[in-house]
Amino acid sequence: MDDEEILEGELVEGEVEEKLSEQAQQLASAGLISEEIDIFDIAATEGPAYELDDLTVDQIAELTNRLDARGIRWAIDGNPQLLVHRNHERKADEVFDLIFGPEE
């Protein structure tokens, strides 16, 4: 059995570390990965989740600064995805359009 393979109901001794992607590690180093409580709070609103795979850490920092400037509640999880409060979806889409242009 592979050391990282865990079967349902199997007792695992020691801590099982969740491996973050390189991008997620960079975001964590930049202080952009949110606390679990904040992630759960935003996710509970069932708002949109934006994939960040194609963005640089600098682009994500600019994006989050603009979201903050507009009072938009957001959180970034370890996937990494940008989660936005359901009530702020329209405003978040406007910020994305300002930075990256409208979707085609």
Protein backbone atom coordinates (compact mmCIF):
# COMPACT_ATOMS: atom_id res chain seq x y z
CA MET A 1 0.00 0.00 0.00
CA ASP A 2 1.23 3.47 -0.88
CA ASP A 3 2.17 5.53 2.21
CA GLU A 4 -0.13 8.36 1.10
CA GLU A 5 -3.08 6.09 0.36
CA ILE A 6 -5.55 6.10 3.22
CA LEU A 7 -8.41 3.63 3.29
CA GLU A 8 -11.73 4.56 4.81
CA GLY A 9 -11.77 3.68 8.48
CA GLU A 10 -8.02 3.17 8.66
CA LEU A 11 -6.24 4.57 11.70
CA VAL A 12 -3.43 6.86 10.65
CA GLU A 13 -0.75 7.69 13.17
CA GLY A 14 0.89 11.10 13.03
CA GLU A 15 -0.25 14.07 11.02
CA VAL A 16 -1.34 13.77 7.42
CA GLU A 17 -0.09 16.87 5.64
CA GLU A 18 -2.15 18.35 2.85
CA LYS A 19 0.22 19.16 0.02
CA LEU A 20 -0.31 22.60 -1.47
CA SER A 21 0.49 23.38 -5.08
CA GLU A 22 3.44 25.66 -5.75
CA GLN A 23 1.06 28.52 -6.49
CA ALA A 24 -0.84 27.93 -3.24
CA GLN A 25 2.47 27.87 -1.33
CA GLN A 26 3.42 31.22 -2.90
CA LEU A 27 0.01 32.65 -2.01
CA ALA A 28 0.40 31.39 1.56
CA SER A 29 3.85 33.02 1.77
CA ALA A 30 2.30 36.28 0.54
CA GLY A 31 -0.39 36.05 3.22
CA LEU A 32 -3.19 35.57 0.68
CA ILE A 33 -4.49 32.15 1.77
CA SER A 34 -7.36 32.80 4.16
CA GLU A 35 -7.95 31.31 7.59
CA GLU A 36 -10.22 28.25 7.59
CA ILE A 37 -12.94 30.08 9.52
CA ASP A 38 -13.04 32.83 6.89
CA ILE A 39 -13.15 30.28 4.07
CA PHE A 40 -16.06 28.42 5.69
CA ASP A 41 -17.87 31.71 6.39
CA ILE A 42 -17.69 32.83 2.74
CA ALA A 43 -18.32 29.33 1.32
CA ALA A 44 -21.49 29.01 3.43
CA THR A 45 -23.07 31.83 1.43
CA GLU A 46 -22.82 29.65 -1.71
CA GLY A 47 -21.29 32.48 -3.70
CA PRO A 48 -19.07 32.02 -6.75
CA ALA A 49 -15.64 30.41 -6.75
CA TYR A 50 -13.06 31.70 -9.24
CA GLU A 51 -10.15 29.53 -10.39
CA LEU A 52 -6.78 31.26 -9.94
CA ASP A 53 -4.58 28.74 -11.78
CA ASP A 54 -3.62 31.06 -14.64
CA LEU A 55 -2.86 34.11 -12.47
CA THR A 56 0.42 35.19 -10.91
CA VAL A 57 0.73 36.03 -7.24
CA ASP A 58 1.07 39.72 -8.21
CA GLN A 59 -2.15 39.58 -10.24
CA ILE A 60 -3.97 37.90 -7.36
CA ALA A 61 -2.65 40.51 -4.92
CA GLU A 62 -3.89 43.30 -7.22
CA LEU A 63 -7.24 41.57 -7.54
CA THR A 64 -7.70 41.16 -3.79
CA ASN A 65 -6.66 44.77 -3.16
CA ARG A 66 -9.34 45.94 -5.59
CA LEU A 67 -11.90 43.65 -4.01
CA ASP A 68 -11.02 45.12 -0.60
CA ALA A 69 -11.31 48.66 -1.97
CA ARG A 70 -14.89 47.90 -3.05
CA GLY A 71 -15.82 46.24 0.24
CA ILE A 72 -16.19 42.80 -1.33
CA ARG A 73 -15.94 39.86 1.08
CA TRP A 74 -13.58 37.19 -0.26
CA ALA A 75 -11.39 34.29 0.82
CA ILE A 76 -8.76 32.18 -0.94
CA ASP A 77 -8.61 28.50 -0.11
CA GLY A 78 -5.70 26.07 -0.58
CA ASN A 79 -6.87 24.83 -4.01
CA PRO A 80 -6.42 27.86 -4.74
CA GLN A 81 -9.82 29.33 -5.52
CA LEU A 82 -11.11 32.80 -4.79
CA LEU A 83 -14.42 32.51 -2.95
CA VAL A 84 -16.71 35.53 -2.95
CA HIS A 85 -19.71 36.24 -0.75
CA ARG A 86 -22.91 35.60 -2.68
CA ASN A 87 -24.11 39.19 -2.18
CA HIS A 88 -20.95 40.54 -3.82
CA GLU A 89 -20.86 38.41 -6.99
CA ARG A 90 -21.82 41.22 -9.37
CA LYS A 91 -19.27 43.62 -7.90
CA ALA A 92 -16.57 40.92 -8.03
CA ASP A 93 -17.35 40.25 -11.71
CA GLU A 94 -16.95 43.98 -12.38
CA VAL A 95 -13.49 43.93 -10.76
CA PHE A 96 -12.45 40.93 -12.87
CA ASP A 97 -13.68 42.74 -16.00
CA LEU A 98 -11.72 45.89 -15.06
CA ILE A 99 -8.49 43.97 -14.57
CA PHE A 100 -8.72 41.23 -17.18
CA GLY A 101 -11.33 42.51 -19.61
CA PRO A 102 -14.82 41.14 -20.17
CA GLU A 103 -15.31 37.43 -20.79
CA GLU A 104 -15.96 36.47 -24.37
